[in-house]
Amino acid sequence: MSALVAELEAMAFARAASAEANQRIDEVRAALEAESGASAFSYELFVPRANVDAFFLEQALPKLVYFLSCRGLRTRLTPGVFVSLFSEAGLWFLDAGELVERLGARRGLTVDECFRRWSDGGTGDPKALGAG
């Protein structure tokens, strides 16, 4: 298992067997809605078999940030949005803002920098030196 996946699984506020995914996602959504009074959303991610770190840091992070920004969330606080992370070990539930913070830190970026780069209308990643 990737050290990054182990780190993400350790961040989980709940877990379940993958076979219970639909029911457990609905339960987590309902609990968050009851807590906040607002609609809750599950953002689903699957741990790939290869290039795990690259997937999370170069693909999943920018897409999650874009999703959050389109929902009007542009800070570490992401009320009602949670990540349902499917791995070989099961289903893990993570706070979306904490995930952005953790993955951003792995790239040497703050949460603000993540949103500056990848939010709707963001600047994207800086071009590599010598790239036209």
N, C-alpha and C. Protein backbone atom coordinates (compact mmCIF):
# COMPACT_ATOMS: atom_id res chain seq x y z
N MET A 1 0.84 -1.18 0.00
CA MET A 1 0.00 0.00 0.00
C MET A 1 0.89 1.24 0.00
N SER A 2 0.45 2.24 -0.70
CA SER A 2 1.14 3.51 -0.76
C SER A 2 1.12 4.19 0.62
N ALA A 3 2.22 4.83 0.98
CA ALA A 3 2.27 5.58 2.23
C ALA A 3 1.23 6.70 2.22
N LEU A 4 1.00 7.28 1.05
CA LEU A 4 0.00 8.35 0.94
C LEU A 4 -1.40 7.80 1.22
N VAL A 5 -1.72 6.64 0.68
CA VAL A 5 -3.04 6.05 0.93
C VAL A 5 -3.21 5.74 2.41
N ALA A 6 -2.17 5.22 3.04
CA ALA A 6 -2.23 4.95 4.48
C ALA A 6 -2.47 6.24 5.25
N GLU A 7 -1.84 7.31 4.84
CA GLU A 7 -2.02 8.61 5.48
C GLU A 7 -3.46 9.10 5.31
N LEU A 8 -4.01 8.93 4.11
CA LEU A 8 -5.38 9.36 3.86
C LEU A 8 -6.37 8.52 4.66
N GLU A 9 -6.14 7.21 4.71
CA GLU A 9 -7.03 6.35 5.48
C GLU A 9 -7.01 6.73 6.96
N ALA A 10 -5.85 7.14 7.46
CA ALA A 10 -5.74 7.55 8.86
C ALA A 10 -6.51 8.83 9.15
N MET A 11 -6.77 9.63 8.13
CA MET A 11 -7.52 10.88 8.28
C MET A 11 -9.03 10.66 8.34
N ALA A 12 -9.49 9.49 8.00
CA ALA A 12 -10.92 9.22 7.85
C ALA A 12 -11.68 9.42 9.15
N PHE A 13 -12.87 10.03 9.04
CA PHE A 13 -13.74 10.18 10.21
C PHE A 13 -14.69 9.00 10.34
N ALA A 14 -14.77 8.16 9.30
CA ALA A 14 -15.57 6.93 9.35
C ALA A 14 -15.09 6.02 8.24
N ARG A 15 -15.46 4.74 8.36
CA ARG A 15 -15.11 3.77 7.32
C ARG A 15 -16.20 2.74 7.22
N ALA A 16 -16.17 2.00 6.10
CA ALA A 16 -17.17 0.95 5.88
C ALA A 16 -16.62 -0.05 4.89
N ALA A 17 -17.29 -1.17 4.78
CA ALA A 17 -16.95 -2.14 3.74
C ALA A 17 -17.46 -1.59 2.41
N SER A 18 -16.72 -1.85 1.35
CA SER A 18 -17.12 -1.36 0.03
C SER A 18 -18.50 -1.87 -0.37
N ALA A 19 -18.84 -3.06 0.05
CA ALA A 19 -20.15 -3.64 -0.29
C ALA A 19 -21.31 -2.84 0.31
N GLU A 20 -21.03 -2.04 1.32
CA GLU A 20 -22.06 -1.23 1.97
C GLU A 20 -22.03 0.23 1.49
N ALA A 21 -21.35 0.49 0.40
CA ALA A 21 -21.09 1.86 -0.02
C ALA A 21 -22.34 2.72 -0.14
N ASN A 22 -23.32 2.29 -0.89
CA ASN A 22 -24.51 3.13 -1.11
C ASN A 22 -25.18 3.49 0.20
N GLN A 23 -25.40 2.51 1.04
CA GLN A 23 -26.06 2.74 2.32
C GLN A 23 -25.24 3.65 3.21
N ARG A 24 -23.95 3.39 3.32
CA ARG A 24 -23.10 4.17 4.22
C ARG A 24 -22.91 5.60 3.71
N ILE A 25 -22.78 5.79 2.40
CA ILE A 25 -22.67 7.15 1.86
C ILE A 25 -23.95 7.93 2.18
N ASP A 26 -25.10 7.29 2.02
CA ASP A 26 -26.37 7.95 2.36
C ASP A 26 -26.43 8.29 3.84
N GLU A 27 -25.94 7.40 4.71
CA GLU A 27 -25.95 7.66 6.15
C GLU A 27 -25.04 8.83 6.51
N VAL A 28 -23.86 8.88 5.92
CA VAL A 28 -22.94 9.99 6.20
C VAL A 28 -23.54 11.29 5.68
N ARG A 29 -24.11 11.25 4.49
CA ARG A 29 -24.75 12.45 3.92
C ARG A 29 -25.87 12.93 4.86
N ALA A 30 -26.72 12.03 5.32
CA ALA A 30 -27.82 12.41 6.20
C ALA A 30 -27.31 12.98 7.52
N ALA A 31 -26.27 12.39 8.07
CA ALA A 31 -25.70 12.89 9.33
C ALA A 31 -25.14 14.30 9.15
N LEU A 32 -24.45 14.54 8.05
CA LEU A 32 -23.89 15.88 7.80
C LEU A 32 -24.99 16.90 7.55
N GLU A 33 -26.04 16.49 6.86
CA GLU A 33 -27.16 17.40 6.62
C GLU A 33 -27.86 17.75 7.92
N ALA A 34 -28.05 16.77 8.79
CA ALA A 34 -28.68 17.03 10.08
C ALA A 34 -27.82 17.96 10.93
N GLU A 35 -26.51 17.80 10.84
CA GLU A 35 -25.58 18.62 11.61
C GLU A 35 -25.53 20.06 11.11
N SER A 36 -25.51 20.23 9.79
CA SER A 36 -25.32 21.56 9.22
C SER A 36 -26.61 22.24 8.77
N GLY A 37 -27.65 21.45 8.52
CA GLY A 37 -28.89 22.03 8.00
C GLY A 37 -28.83 22.33 6.52
N ALA A 38 -27.72 21.99 5.87
CA ALA A 38 -27.55 22.23 4.43
C ALA A 38 -27.38 20.90 3.70
N SER A 39 -27.53 20.93 2.41
CA SER A 39 -27.34 19.72 1.61
C SER A 39 -25.90 19.24 1.72
N ALA A 40 -25.72 17.93 1.73
CA ALA A 40 -24.38 17.34 1.80
C ALA A 40 -24.11 16.57 0.51
N PHE A 41 -22.83 16.50 0.15
CA PHE A 41 -22.43 15.86 -1.09
C PHE A 41 -21.24 14.95 -0.87
N SER A 42 -21.26 13.82 -1.56
CA SER A 42 -20.14 12.90 -1.54
C SER A 42 -19.34 13.08 -2.83
N TYR A 43 -18.05 13.30 -2.70
CA TYR A 43 -17.13 13.35 -3.83
C TYR A 43 -16.37 12.04 -3.79
N GLU A 44 -16.55 11.21 -4.81
CA GLU A 44 -15.99 9.87 -4.77
C GLU A 44 -14.66 9.76 -5.51
N LEU A 45 -13.71 9.11 -4.83
CA LEU A 45 -12.39 8.85 -5.39
C LEU A 45 -12.06 7.38 -5.23
N PHE A 46 -11.36 6.85 -6.19
CA PHE A 46 -10.93 5.46 -6.16
C PHE A 46 -9.41 5.42 -6.20
N VAL A 47 -8.81 4.63 -5.35
CA VAL A 47 -7.36 4.49 -5.34
C VAL A 47 -6.97 3.65 -6.56
N PRO A 48 -6.15 4.21 -7.45
CA PRO A 48 -5.74 3.44 -8.63
C PRO A 48 -4.72 2.36 -8.26
N ARG A 49 -4.51 1.43 -9.15
CA ARG A 49 -3.55 0.34 -8.90
C ARG A 49 -2.11 0.78 -9.12
N ALA A 50 -1.89 1.78 -9.94
CA ALA A 50 -0.52 2.24 -10.26
C ALA A 50 -0.46 3.76 -10.16
N ASN A 51 0.73 4.26 -9.98
CA ASN A 51 0.98 5.72 -9.94
C ASN A 51 0.07 6.44 -8.96
N VAL A 52 -0.06 5.86 -7.77
CA VAL A 52 -1.01 6.35 -6.78
C VAL A 52 -0.72 7.79 -6.37
N ASP A 53 0.52 8.07 -5.98
CA ASP A 53 0.84 9.43 -5.53
C ASP A 53 0.62 10.44 -6.64
N ALA A 54 1.07 10.13 -7.84
CA ALA A 54 0.88 11.05 -8.96
C ALA A 54 -0.60 11.28 -9.23
N PHE A 55 -1.40 10.23 -9.14
CA PHE A 55 -2.83 10.38 -9.36
C PHE A 55 -3.43 11.37 -8.37
N PHE A 56 -3.16 11.17 -7.07
CA PHE A 56 -3.77 12.04 -6.07
C PHE A 56 -3.24 13.47 -6.14
N LEU A 57 -1.95 13.63 -6.36
CA LEU A 57 -1.35 14.96 -6.33
C LEU A 57 -1.51 15.75 -7.62
N GLU A 58 -1.54 15.07 -8.75
CA GLU A 58 -1.58 15.77 -10.03
C GLU A 58 -2.94 15.75 -10.72
N GLN A 59 -3.79 14.80 -10.37
CA GLN A 59 -5.10 14.72 -11.01
C GLN A 59 -6.24 14.95 -10.01
N ALA A 60 -6.27 14.16 -8.95
CA ALA A 60 -7.40 14.24 -8.01
C ALA A 60 -7.46 15.58 -7.29
N LEU A 61 -6.33 16.09 -6.82
CA LEU A 61 -6.32 17.36 -6.09
C LEU A 61 -6.87 18.51 -6.93
N PRO A 62 -6.36 18.75 -8.14
CA PRO A 62 -6.92 19.85 -8.93
C PRO A 62 -8.41 19.69 -9.22
N LYS A 63 -8.85 18.48 -9.49
CA LYS A 63 -10.27 18.26 -9.79
C LYS A 63 -11.14 18.48 -8.56
N LEU A 64 -10.67 18.04 -7.40
CA LEU A 64 -11.43 18.27 -6.17
C LEU A 64 -11.53 19.77 -5.87
N VAL A 65 -10.44 20.48 -6.02
CA VAL A 65 -10.45 21.93 -5.78
C VAL A 65 -11.42 22.61 -6.74
N TYR A 66 -11.39 22.23 -7.99
CA TYR A 66 -12.32 22.81 -8.96
C TYR A 66 -13.77 22.53 -8.57
N PHE A 67 -14.06 21.28 -8.19
CA PHE A 67 -15.41 20.91 -7.75
C PHE A 67 -15.85 21.78 -6.58
N LEU A 68 -14.98 21.90 -5.58
CA LEU A 68 -15.32 22.70 -4.40
C LEU A 68 -15.56 24.16 -4.76
N SER A 69 -14.71 24.71 -5.62
CA SER A 69 -14.86 26.12 -5.99
C SER A 69 -16.15 26.35 -6.76
N CYS A 70 -16.55 25.40 -7.57
CA CYS A 70 -17.82 25.53 -8.31
C CYS A 70 -19.02 25.47 -7.37
N ARG A 71 -18.83 24.90 -6.18
CA ARG A 71 -19.88 24.86 -5.16
C ARG A 71 -19.80 26.10 -4.26
N GLY A 72 -18.86 27.02 -4.56
CA GLY A 72 -18.73 28.24 -3.78
C GLY A 72 -17.84 28.09 -2.56
N LEU A 73 -17.11 26.99 -2.46
CA LEU A 73 -16.23 26.74 -1.32
C LEU A 73 -14.79 26.97 -1.76
N ARG A 74 -14.11 27.90 -1.11
CA ARG A 74 -12.75 28.24 -1.53
C ARG A 74 -11.78 28.34 -0.37
N THR A 75 -12.09 27.63 0.71
CA THR A 75 -11.19 27.59 1.87
C THR A 75 -11.11 26.15 2.37
N ARG A 76 -10.40 25.96 3.46
CA ARG A 76 -10.30 24.64 4.06
C ARG A 76 -11.63 24.18 4.63
N LEU A 77 -12.53 25.12 4.91
CA LEU A 77 -13.84 24.78 5.44
C LEU A 77 -14.77 24.41 4.29
N THR A 78 -15.22 23.16 4.31
CA THR A 78 -16.07 22.66 3.22
C THR A 78 -17.30 21.98 3.82
N PRO A 79 -18.16 22.75 4.48
CA PRO A 79 -19.31 22.15 5.15
C PRO A 79 -20.18 21.36 4.17
N GLY A 80 -20.52 20.15 4.59
CA GLY A 80 -21.41 19.33 3.78
C GLY A 80 -20.76 18.55 2.67
N VAL A 81 -19.48 18.77 2.41
CA VAL A 81 -18.82 18.03 1.33
C VAL A 81 -17.81 17.07 1.96
N PHE A 82 -17.95 15.80 1.63
CA PHE A 82 -17.03 14.80 2.13
C PHE A 82 -16.55 13.95 0.96
N VAL A 83 -15.43 13.33 1.16
CA VAL A 83 -14.85 12.45 0.13
C VAL A 83 -15.09 11.01 0.55
N SER A 84 -15.63 10.25 -0.39
CA SER A 84 -15.78 8.80 -0.20
C SER A 84 -14.63 8.17 -0.97
N LEU A 85 -13.66 7.66 -0.23
CA LEU A 85 -12.44 7.12 -0.82
C LEU A 85 -12.50 5.59 -0.81
N PHE A 86 -12.53 5.03 -2.00
CA PHE A 86 -12.57 3.58 -2.15
C PHE A 86 -11.14 3.06 -2.33
N SER A 87 -10.74 2.13 -1.46
CA SER A 87 -9.44 1.50 -1.59
C SER A 87 -9.63 -0.01 -1.49
N GLU A 88 -8.54 -0.75 -1.66
CA GLU A 88 -8.63 -2.20 -1.52
C GLU A 88 -9.10 -2.60 -0.13
N ALA A 89 -8.82 -1.76 0.86
CA ALA A 89 -9.17 -2.06 2.25
C ALA A 89 -10.60 -1.69 2.60
N GLY A 90 -11.31 -1.00 1.71
CA GLY A 90 -12.69 -0.62 2.00
C GLY A 90 -12.98 0.81 1.60
N LEU A 91 -13.98 1.36 2.24
CA LEU A 91 -14.47 2.71 1.96
C LEU A 91 -14.13 3.60 3.16
N TRP A 92 -13.55 4.74 2.86
CA TRP A 92 -13.10 5.68 3.90
C TRP A 92 -13.76 7.02 3.64
N PHE A 93 -14.22 7.68 4.70
CA PHE A 93 -14.87 8.99 4.57
C PHE A 93 -13.95 10.06 5.14
N LEU A 94 -13.68 11.08 4.31
CA LEU A 94 -12.76 12.15 4.70
C LEU A 94 -13.41 13.50 4.51
N ASP A 95 -13.01 14.45 5.32
CA ASP A 95 -13.44 15.84 5.15
C ASP A 95 -12.74 16.39 3.91
N ALA A 96 -13.49 16.96 2.98
CA ALA A 96 -12.93 17.43 1.71
C ALA A 96 -11.87 18.52 1.91
N GLY A 97 -12.13 19.44 2.82
CA GLY A 97 -11.16 20.51 3.07
C GLY A 97 -9.86 20.00 3.66
N GLU A 98 -9.96 19.03 4.56
CA GLU A 98 -8.75 18.42 5.12
C GLU A 98 -7.94 17.70 4.05
N LEU A 99 -8.65 17.07 3.12
CA LEU A 99 -7.96 16.37 2.04
C LEU A 99 -7.22 17.36 1.14
N VAL A 100 -7.86 18.47 0.80
CA VAL A 100 -7.18 19.51 0.01
C VAL A 100 -5.94 19.99 0.75
N GLU A 101 -6.09 20.25 2.04
CA GLU A 101 -4.95 20.73 2.83
C GLU A 101 -3.81 19.71 2.84
N ARG A 102 -4.12 18.45 3.05
CA ARG A 102 -3.09 17.41 3.13
C ARG A 102 -2.40 17.19 1.78
N LEU A 103 -3.19 17.07 0.72
CA LEU A 103 -2.59 16.85 -0.60
C LEU A 103 -1.82 18.08 -1.07
N GLY A 104 -2.37 19.26 -0.78
CA GLY A 104 -1.66 20.49 -1.13
C GLY A 104 -0.32 20.57 -0.42
N ALA A 105 -0.31 20.23 0.86
CA ALA A 105 0.95 20.25 1.62
C ALA A 105 1.96 19.29 1.02
N ARG A 106 1.49 18.16 0.53
CA ARG A 106 2.40 17.19 -0.12
C ARG A 106 3.03 17.81 -1.36
N ARG A 107 2.35 18.76 -1.98
CA ARG A 107 2.89 19.46 -3.15
C ARG A 107 3.59 20.75 -2.77
N GLY A 108 3.64 21.06 -1.48
CA GLY A 108 4.27 22.29 -1.01
C GLY A 108 3.38 23.51 -1.20
N LEU A 109 2.06 23.31 -1.22
CA LEU A 109 1.11 24.39 -1.46
C LEU A 109 0.18 24.59 -0.27
N THR A 110 -0.21 25.83 -0.04
CA THR A 110 -1.23 26.12 0.95
C THR A 110 -2.60 25.88 0.31
N VAL A 111 -3.62 25.84 1.14
CA VAL A 111 -4.99 25.70 0.63
C VAL A 111 -5.31 26.88 -0.29
N ASP A 112 -4.93 28.09 0.13
CA ASP A 112 -5.19 29.28 -0.70
C ASP A 112 -4.53 29.15 -2.07
N GLU A 113 -3.30 28.65 -2.09
CA GLU A 113 -2.60 28.48 -3.36
C GLU A 113 -3.29 27.43 -4.22
N CYS A 114 -3.78 26.38 -3.62
CA CYS A 114 -4.53 25.36 -4.38
C CYS A 114 -5.73 25.99 -5.07
N PHE A 115 -6.48 26.80 -4.33
CA PHE A 115 -7.67 27.43 -4.92
C PHE A 115 -7.28 28.48 -5.95
N ARG A 116 -6.16 29.18 -5.74
CA ARG A 116 -5.71 30.16 -6.74
C ARG A 116 -5.39 29.46 -8.05
N ARG A 117 -4.80 28.29 -7.97
CA ARG A 117 -4.42 27.57 -9.18
C ARG A 117 -5.57 26.87 -9.88
N TRP A 118 -6.41 26.18 -9.10
CA TRP A 118 -7.34 25.24 -9.74
C TRP A 118 -8.81 25.55 -9.58
N SER A 119 -9.16 26.66 -8.94
CA SER A 119 -10.58 27.00 -8.85
C SER A 119 -11.06 27.48 -10.20
N ASP A 120 -12.36 27.64 -10.31
CA ASP A 120 -12.94 28.15 -11.55
C ASP A 120 -12.28 29.49 -11.87
N GLY A 121 -11.65 29.57 -13.03
CA GLY A 121 -10.93 30.78 -13.42
C GLY A 121 -9.53 30.86 -12.84
N GLY A 122 -9.04 29.77 -12.27
CA GLY A 122 -7.71 29.75 -11.65
C GLY A 122 -6.59 29.83 -12.69
N THR A 123 -5.39 29.97 -12.18
CA THR A 123 -4.21 30.14 -13.05
C THR A 123 -3.63 28.84 -13.54
N GLY A 124 -3.98 27.72 -12.91
CA GLY A 124 -3.39 26.44 -13.27
C GLY A 124 -1.98 26.30 -12.71
N ASP A 125 -1.35 25.21 -13.04
CA ASP A 125 0.03 25.01 -12.59
C ASP A 125 0.95 25.93 -13.36
N PRO A 126 2.01 26.41 -12.72
CA PRO A 126 2.98 27.23 -13.44
C PRO A 126 3.63 26.40 -14.56
N LYS A 127 3.96 27.07 -15.62
CA LYS A 127 4.64 26.37 -16.73
C LYS A 127 6.06 26.02 -16.31
N ALA A 128 6.51 24.88 -16.78
CA ALA A 128 7.88 24.46 -16.50
C ALA A 128 8.84 25.39 -17.23
N LEU A 129 10.02 25.59 -16.68
CA LEU A 129 11.03 26.41 -17.35
C LEU A 129 11.31 25.85 -18.73
N GLY A 130 11.36 26.71 -19.70
CA GLY A 130 11.65 26.29 -21.06
C GLY A 130 10.42 25.87 -21.85
N ALA A 131 9.27 25.77 -21.17
CA ALA A 131 8.04 25.38 -21.88
C ALA A 131 7.46 26.62 -22.55
N GLY A 132 7.02 26.46 -23.74
CA GLY A 132 6.53 27.58 -24.51
C GLY A 132 5.15 27.86 -24.27
